N, C-alpha and C. Protein backbone atom coordinates (compact mmCIF):
# COMPACT_ATOMS: atom_id res chain seq x y z
N UNK A 1 -25.38 -56.82 21.75
CA UNK A 1 -23.96 -56.97 21.59
C UNK A 1 -23.56 -56.94 20.13
N UNK A 2 -24.37 -57.47 19.28
CA UNK A 2 -24.02 -57.51 17.87
C UNK A 2 -24.08 -56.12 17.24
N UNK A 3 -24.94 -55.24 17.76
CA UNK A 3 -25.03 -53.88 17.23
C UNK A 3 -23.76 -53.12 17.59
N UNK A 4 -23.30 -53.27 18.81
CA UNK A 4 -22.07 -52.59 19.23
C UNK A 4 -20.88 -53.12 18.44
N UNK A 5 -20.87 -54.41 18.20
CA UNK A 5 -19.76 -54.99 17.43
C UNK A 5 -19.80 -54.49 15.98
N UNK A 6 -20.98 -54.36 15.42
CA UNK A 6 -21.14 -53.87 14.04
C UNK A 6 -20.67 -52.41 13.93
N UNK A 7 -21.01 -51.61 14.92
CA UNK A 7 -20.58 -50.21 14.92
C UNK A 7 -19.06 -50.12 15.01
N UNK A 8 -18.47 -50.93 15.87
CA UNK A 8 -17.00 -50.92 16.03
C UNK A 8 -16.31 -51.38 14.75
N UNK A 9 -16.81 -52.38 14.12
CA UNK A 9 -16.17 -52.90 12.92
C UNK A 9 -16.29 -51.89 11.76
N UNK A 10 -17.41 -51.24 11.63
CA UNK A 10 -17.55 -50.23 10.58
C UNK A 10 -16.76 -48.96 10.92
N UNK A 11 -16.67 -48.62 12.18
CA UNK A 11 -15.92 -47.42 12.59
C UNK A 11 -14.44 -47.56 12.26
N UNK A 12 -13.92 -48.78 12.31
CA UNK A 12 -12.51 -48.99 11.98
C UNK A 12 -12.22 -48.62 10.52
N UNK A 13 -13.17 -48.77 9.65
CA UNK A 13 -12.98 -48.44 8.24
C UNK A 13 -13.38 -46.99 7.92
N UNK A 14 -14.39 -46.49 8.61
CA UNK A 14 -14.91 -45.17 8.30
C UNK A 14 -14.14 -44.05 9.00
N UNK A 15 -13.78 -44.25 10.24
CA UNK A 15 -13.15 -43.19 11.04
C UNK A 15 -11.85 -42.67 10.43
N UNK A 16 -10.92 -43.48 9.95
CA UNK A 16 -9.71 -42.91 9.33
C UNK A 16 -10.02 -42.08 8.08
N UNK A 17 -11.01 -42.50 7.32
CA UNK A 17 -11.38 -41.73 6.13
C UNK A 17 -12.02 -40.39 6.51
N UNK A 18 -12.86 -40.39 7.52
CA UNK A 18 -13.48 -39.14 7.97
C UNK A 18 -12.41 -38.19 8.52
N UNK A 19 -11.46 -38.72 9.29
CA UNK A 19 -10.38 -37.89 9.81
C UNK A 19 -9.51 -37.35 8.67
N UNK A 20 -9.26 -38.14 7.66
CA UNK A 20 -8.46 -37.69 6.52
C UNK A 20 -9.18 -36.57 5.76
N UNK A 21 -10.47 -36.73 5.55
CA UNK A 21 -11.25 -35.70 4.86
C UNK A 21 -11.28 -34.41 5.69
N UNK A 22 -11.46 -34.52 6.98
CA UNK A 22 -11.46 -33.33 7.86
C UNK A 22 -10.10 -32.64 7.83
N UNK A 23 -9.03 -33.42 7.82
CA UNK A 23 -7.69 -32.83 7.77
C UNK A 23 -7.47 -32.11 6.45
N UNK A 24 -7.90 -32.71 5.36
CA UNK A 24 -7.76 -32.07 4.05
C UNK A 24 -8.57 -30.77 4.01
N UNK A 25 -9.79 -30.77 4.51
CA UNK A 25 -10.60 -29.55 4.54
C UNK A 25 -9.97 -28.48 5.42
N UNK A 26 -9.40 -28.88 6.55
CA UNK A 26 -8.75 -27.94 7.45
C UNK A 26 -7.60 -27.22 6.74
N UNK A 27 -6.73 -27.98 6.11
CA UNK A 27 -5.58 -27.37 5.43
C UNK A 27 -6.01 -26.57 4.19
N UNK A 28 -7.03 -27.05 3.49
CA UNK A 28 -7.52 -26.31 2.33
C UNK A 28 -8.13 -24.97 2.74
N UNK A 29 -8.88 -24.96 3.83
CA UNK A 29 -9.47 -23.72 4.33
C UNK A 29 -8.38 -22.72 4.68
N UNK A 30 -7.37 -23.16 5.41
CA UNK A 30 -6.30 -22.25 5.82
C UNK A 30 -5.40 -21.85 4.65
N UNK A 31 -5.34 -22.66 3.62
CA UNK A 31 -4.57 -22.28 2.43
C UNK A 31 -5.26 -21.14 1.68
N UNK A 32 -6.57 -21.04 1.82
CA UNK A 32 -7.32 -19.99 1.14
C UNK A 32 -7.56 -18.80 2.07
N UNK A 33 -8.00 -19.03 3.28
CA UNK A 33 -8.45 -17.97 4.19
C UNK A 33 -7.45 -17.60 5.28
N UNK A 34 -6.39 -18.33 5.45
CA UNK A 34 -5.49 -18.12 6.58
C UNK A 34 -4.64 -16.86 6.48
N UNK A 35 -3.81 -16.63 7.49
CA UNK A 35 -2.94 -15.47 7.54
C UNK A 35 -1.97 -15.43 6.38
N UNK A 36 -1.59 -16.57 5.89
CA UNK A 36 -0.68 -16.65 4.74
C UNK A 36 -1.35 -17.34 3.56
N UNK A 37 -2.66 -17.20 3.49
CA UNK A 37 -3.43 -17.86 2.46
C UNK A 37 -3.47 -17.09 1.16
N UNK A 38 -4.20 -17.65 0.22
CA UNK A 38 -4.29 -17.10 -1.13
C UNK A 38 -4.95 -15.72 -1.15
N UNK A 39 -6.04 -15.55 -0.41
CA UNK A 39 -6.74 -14.27 -0.40
C UNK A 39 -5.87 -13.18 0.24
N UNK A 40 -5.13 -13.51 1.27
CA UNK A 40 -4.22 -12.55 1.89
C UNK A 40 -3.12 -12.18 0.92
N UNK A 41 -2.63 -13.14 0.17
CA UNK A 41 -1.59 -12.87 -0.83
C UNK A 41 -2.11 -11.89 -1.89
N UNK A 42 -3.34 -12.09 -2.34
CA UNK A 42 -3.93 -11.17 -3.33
C UNK A 42 -4.08 -9.77 -2.76
N UNK A 43 -4.53 -9.65 -1.51
CA UNK A 43 -4.69 -8.35 -0.88
C UNK A 43 -3.34 -7.65 -0.74
N UNK A 44 -2.33 -8.38 -0.30
CA UNK A 44 -0.99 -7.79 -0.14
C UNK A 44 -0.40 -7.38 -1.48
N UNK A 45 -0.67 -8.14 -2.51
CA UNK A 45 -0.19 -7.80 -3.85
C UNK A 45 -0.82 -6.49 -4.33
N UNK A 46 -2.11 -6.32 -4.06
CA UNK A 46 -2.80 -5.09 -4.43
C UNK A 46 -2.26 -3.91 -3.63
N UNK A 47 -2.04 -4.08 -2.34
CA UNK A 47 -1.48 -3.01 -1.52
C UNK A 47 -0.07 -2.64 -1.98
N UNK A 48 0.71 -3.63 -2.39
CA UNK A 48 2.05 -3.37 -2.88
C UNK A 48 2.01 -2.51 -4.13
N UNK A 49 1.07 -2.77 -5.02
CA UNK A 49 0.92 -1.95 -6.22
C UNK A 49 0.57 -0.51 -5.87
N UNK A 50 -0.32 -0.33 -4.89
CA UNK A 50 -0.69 1.02 -4.47
C UNK A 50 0.50 1.74 -3.84
N UNK A 51 1.28 1.03 -3.04
CA UNK A 51 2.44 1.64 -2.40
C UNK A 51 3.49 2.01 -3.44
N UNK A 52 3.67 1.18 -4.44
CA UNK A 52 4.63 1.51 -5.50
C UNK A 52 4.19 2.74 -6.29
N UNK A 53 2.88 2.87 -6.53
CA UNK A 53 2.37 4.06 -7.21
C UNK A 53 2.63 5.31 -6.36
N UNK A 54 2.37 5.21 -5.07
CA UNK A 54 2.61 6.33 -4.17
C UNK A 54 4.10 6.67 -4.12
N UNK A 55 4.94 5.65 -4.11
CA UNK A 55 6.38 5.87 -4.06
C UNK A 55 6.86 6.59 -5.33
N UNK A 56 6.37 6.18 -6.48
CA UNK A 56 6.79 6.84 -7.71
C UNK A 56 6.31 8.29 -7.75
N UNK A 57 5.11 8.54 -7.23
CA UNK A 57 4.59 9.91 -7.17
C UNK A 57 5.45 10.76 -6.23
N UNK A 58 5.83 10.20 -5.08
CA UNK A 58 6.66 10.94 -4.13
C UNK A 58 8.07 11.18 -4.68
N UNK A 59 8.60 10.23 -5.42
CA UNK A 59 9.92 10.44 -6.04
C UNK A 59 9.87 11.57 -7.06
N UNK A 60 8.78 11.64 -7.82
CA UNK A 60 8.62 12.73 -8.79
C UNK A 60 8.54 14.08 -8.09
N UNK A 61 7.78 14.12 -6.99
CA UNK A 61 7.70 15.37 -6.22
C UNK A 61 9.06 15.76 -5.66
N UNK A 62 9.79 14.78 -5.15
CA UNK A 62 11.11 15.06 -4.59
C UNK A 62 12.06 15.58 -5.66
N UNK A 63 12.03 14.98 -6.83
CA UNK A 63 12.90 15.45 -7.92
C UNK A 63 12.55 16.88 -8.32
N UNK A 64 11.25 17.18 -8.35
CA UNK A 64 10.83 18.54 -8.68
C UNK A 64 11.32 19.53 -7.62
N UNK A 65 11.19 19.16 -6.36
CA UNK A 65 11.66 20.03 -5.28
C UNK A 65 13.17 20.21 -5.32
N UNK A 66 13.89 19.15 -5.61
CA UNK A 66 15.35 19.26 -5.69
C UNK A 66 15.76 20.18 -6.83
N UNK A 67 15.02 20.14 -7.92
CA UNK A 67 15.33 21.04 -9.04
C UNK A 67 15.10 22.49 -8.64
N UNK A 68 14.02 22.75 -7.90
CA UNK A 68 13.76 24.12 -7.45
C UNK A 68 14.79 24.57 -6.43
N UNK A 69 15.21 23.69 -5.54
CA UNK A 69 16.22 24.04 -4.54
C UNK A 69 17.56 24.31 -5.21
N UNK A 70 17.87 23.54 -6.24
CA UNK A 70 19.14 23.77 -6.93
C UNK A 70 19.19 25.15 -7.58
N UNK A 71 18.02 25.70 -7.93
CA UNK A 71 17.98 27.04 -8.50
C UNK A 71 18.22 28.12 -7.43
N UNK A 72 18.09 27.78 -6.17
CA UNK A 72 18.31 28.75 -5.09
C UNK A 72 19.71 28.65 -4.49
N UNK A 73 20.53 27.75 -4.93
CA UNK A 73 21.89 27.62 -4.40
C UNK A 73 22.73 28.81 -4.85
N UNK A 74 23.70 29.24 -4.03
CA UNK A 74 24.50 30.43 -4.36
C UNK A 74 25.27 30.31 -5.67
N UNK A 75 25.75 29.13 -6.01
CA UNK A 75 26.52 28.98 -7.25
C UNK A 75 25.63 29.00 -8.50
N UNK A 76 24.32 28.81 -8.33
CA UNK A 76 23.41 28.78 -9.48
C UNK A 76 22.12 29.49 -9.07
N UNK A 77 22.18 30.76 -8.79
CA UNK A 77 21.05 31.50 -8.25
C UNK A 77 20.15 32.02 -9.37
N UNK A 78 18.89 31.70 -9.29
CA UNK A 78 17.89 32.21 -10.23
C UNK A 78 17.19 33.38 -9.54
N UNK A 79 17.42 34.57 -10.01
CA UNK A 79 16.90 35.78 -9.35
C UNK A 79 15.37 35.83 -9.38
N UNK A 80 14.76 35.38 -10.43
CA UNK A 80 13.30 35.39 -10.50
C UNK A 80 12.70 34.50 -9.42
N UNK A 81 13.24 33.30 -9.27
CA UNK A 81 12.74 32.38 -8.24
C UNK A 81 13.00 32.93 -6.85
N UNK A 82 14.16 33.55 -6.64
CA UNK A 82 14.48 34.14 -5.34
C UNK A 82 13.49 35.26 -5.02
N UNK A 83 13.22 36.13 -6.00
CA UNK A 83 12.25 37.20 -5.78
C UNK A 83 10.86 36.67 -5.50
N UNK A 84 10.47 35.63 -6.23
CA UNK A 84 9.15 35.02 -6.02
C UNK A 84 9.02 34.48 -4.61
N UNK A 85 10.04 33.75 -4.16
CA UNK A 85 10.00 33.17 -2.81
C UNK A 85 10.02 34.26 -1.73
N UNK A 86 10.83 35.32 -1.94
CA UNK A 86 10.89 36.40 -0.96
C UNK A 86 9.54 37.09 -0.84
N UNK A 87 8.88 37.36 -1.97
CA UNK A 87 7.57 38.00 -1.92
C UNK A 87 6.54 37.09 -1.28
N UNK A 88 6.64 35.80 -1.54
CA UNK A 88 5.69 34.85 -0.97
C UNK A 88 5.87 34.74 0.55
N UNK A 89 7.13 34.64 0.99
CA UNK A 89 7.39 34.48 2.42
C UNK A 89 7.11 35.77 3.19
N UNK A 90 7.52 36.91 2.63
CA UNK A 90 7.35 38.19 3.32
C UNK A 90 5.99 38.83 3.08
N UNK A 91 5.22 38.24 2.15
CA UNK A 91 3.89 38.73 1.82
C UNK A 91 3.94 40.15 1.25
N UNK A 92 4.90 40.39 0.38
CA UNK A 92 5.05 41.69 -0.29
C UNK A 92 4.82 41.52 -1.78
N UNK A 93 4.51 42.64 -2.42
CA UNK A 93 4.37 42.66 -3.86
C UNK A 93 4.59 44.06 -4.39
N UNK A 94 4.88 44.17 -5.65
CA UNK A 94 5.05 45.48 -6.28
C UNK A 94 3.69 46.09 -6.55
N UNK A 95 3.68 47.42 -6.70
CA UNK A 95 2.42 48.12 -6.97
C UNK A 95 1.83 47.74 -8.31
N UNK A 96 2.68 47.42 -9.26
CA UNK A 96 2.20 47.12 -10.61
C UNK A 96 1.84 45.65 -10.80
N UNK A 97 2.06 44.83 -9.81
CA UNK A 97 1.76 43.40 -9.94
C UNK A 97 0.29 43.13 -9.69
N UNK A 98 -0.22 42.17 -10.42
CA UNK A 98 -1.59 41.69 -10.20
C UNK A 98 -1.46 40.33 -9.52
N UNK A 99 -2.08 40.20 -8.37
CA UNK A 99 -1.97 38.98 -7.57
C UNK A 99 -3.27 38.20 -7.71
N UNK A 100 -3.14 36.96 -8.11
CA UNK A 100 -4.28 36.07 -8.25
C UNK A 100 -4.14 35.01 -7.17
N UNK A 101 -5.11 34.93 -6.26
CA UNK A 101 -5.07 33.97 -5.16
C UNK A 101 -5.89 32.74 -5.57
N UNK A 102 -5.25 31.61 -5.52
CA UNK A 102 -5.92 30.35 -5.86
C UNK A 102 -5.95 29.48 -4.60
N UNK A 103 -6.97 28.66 -4.45
CA UNK A 103 -7.02 27.78 -3.26
C UNK A 103 -5.92 26.72 -3.34
N UNK A 104 -5.40 26.35 -2.18
CA UNK A 104 -4.37 25.31 -2.10
C UNK A 104 -5.00 23.97 -2.40
N UNK A 105 -4.22 23.10 -3.03
CA UNK A 105 -4.73 21.76 -3.37
C UNK A 105 -4.30 20.78 -2.34
């Protein structure tokens, strides 16, 4: 009986501390490894940087394309560009032209 009483009396002091330590470890683990934890935040930050780089590259491509399209508008027609596009689309060329075929990137 005295052993059981000793275990109960010590458990009253130890058990709340053990539960508190387990609770702290639980929240600390999820603060680092969880869905909204520190490591996930770092990964998302890195992905955001990559997406911003891709976005800036796509904006540059779009601006370049808009500049080329503006040269084909009727009010500002560039005859050289029109001839180039017509030969490219129709697959025609002049007899005196030298055609160099390069692989697509």
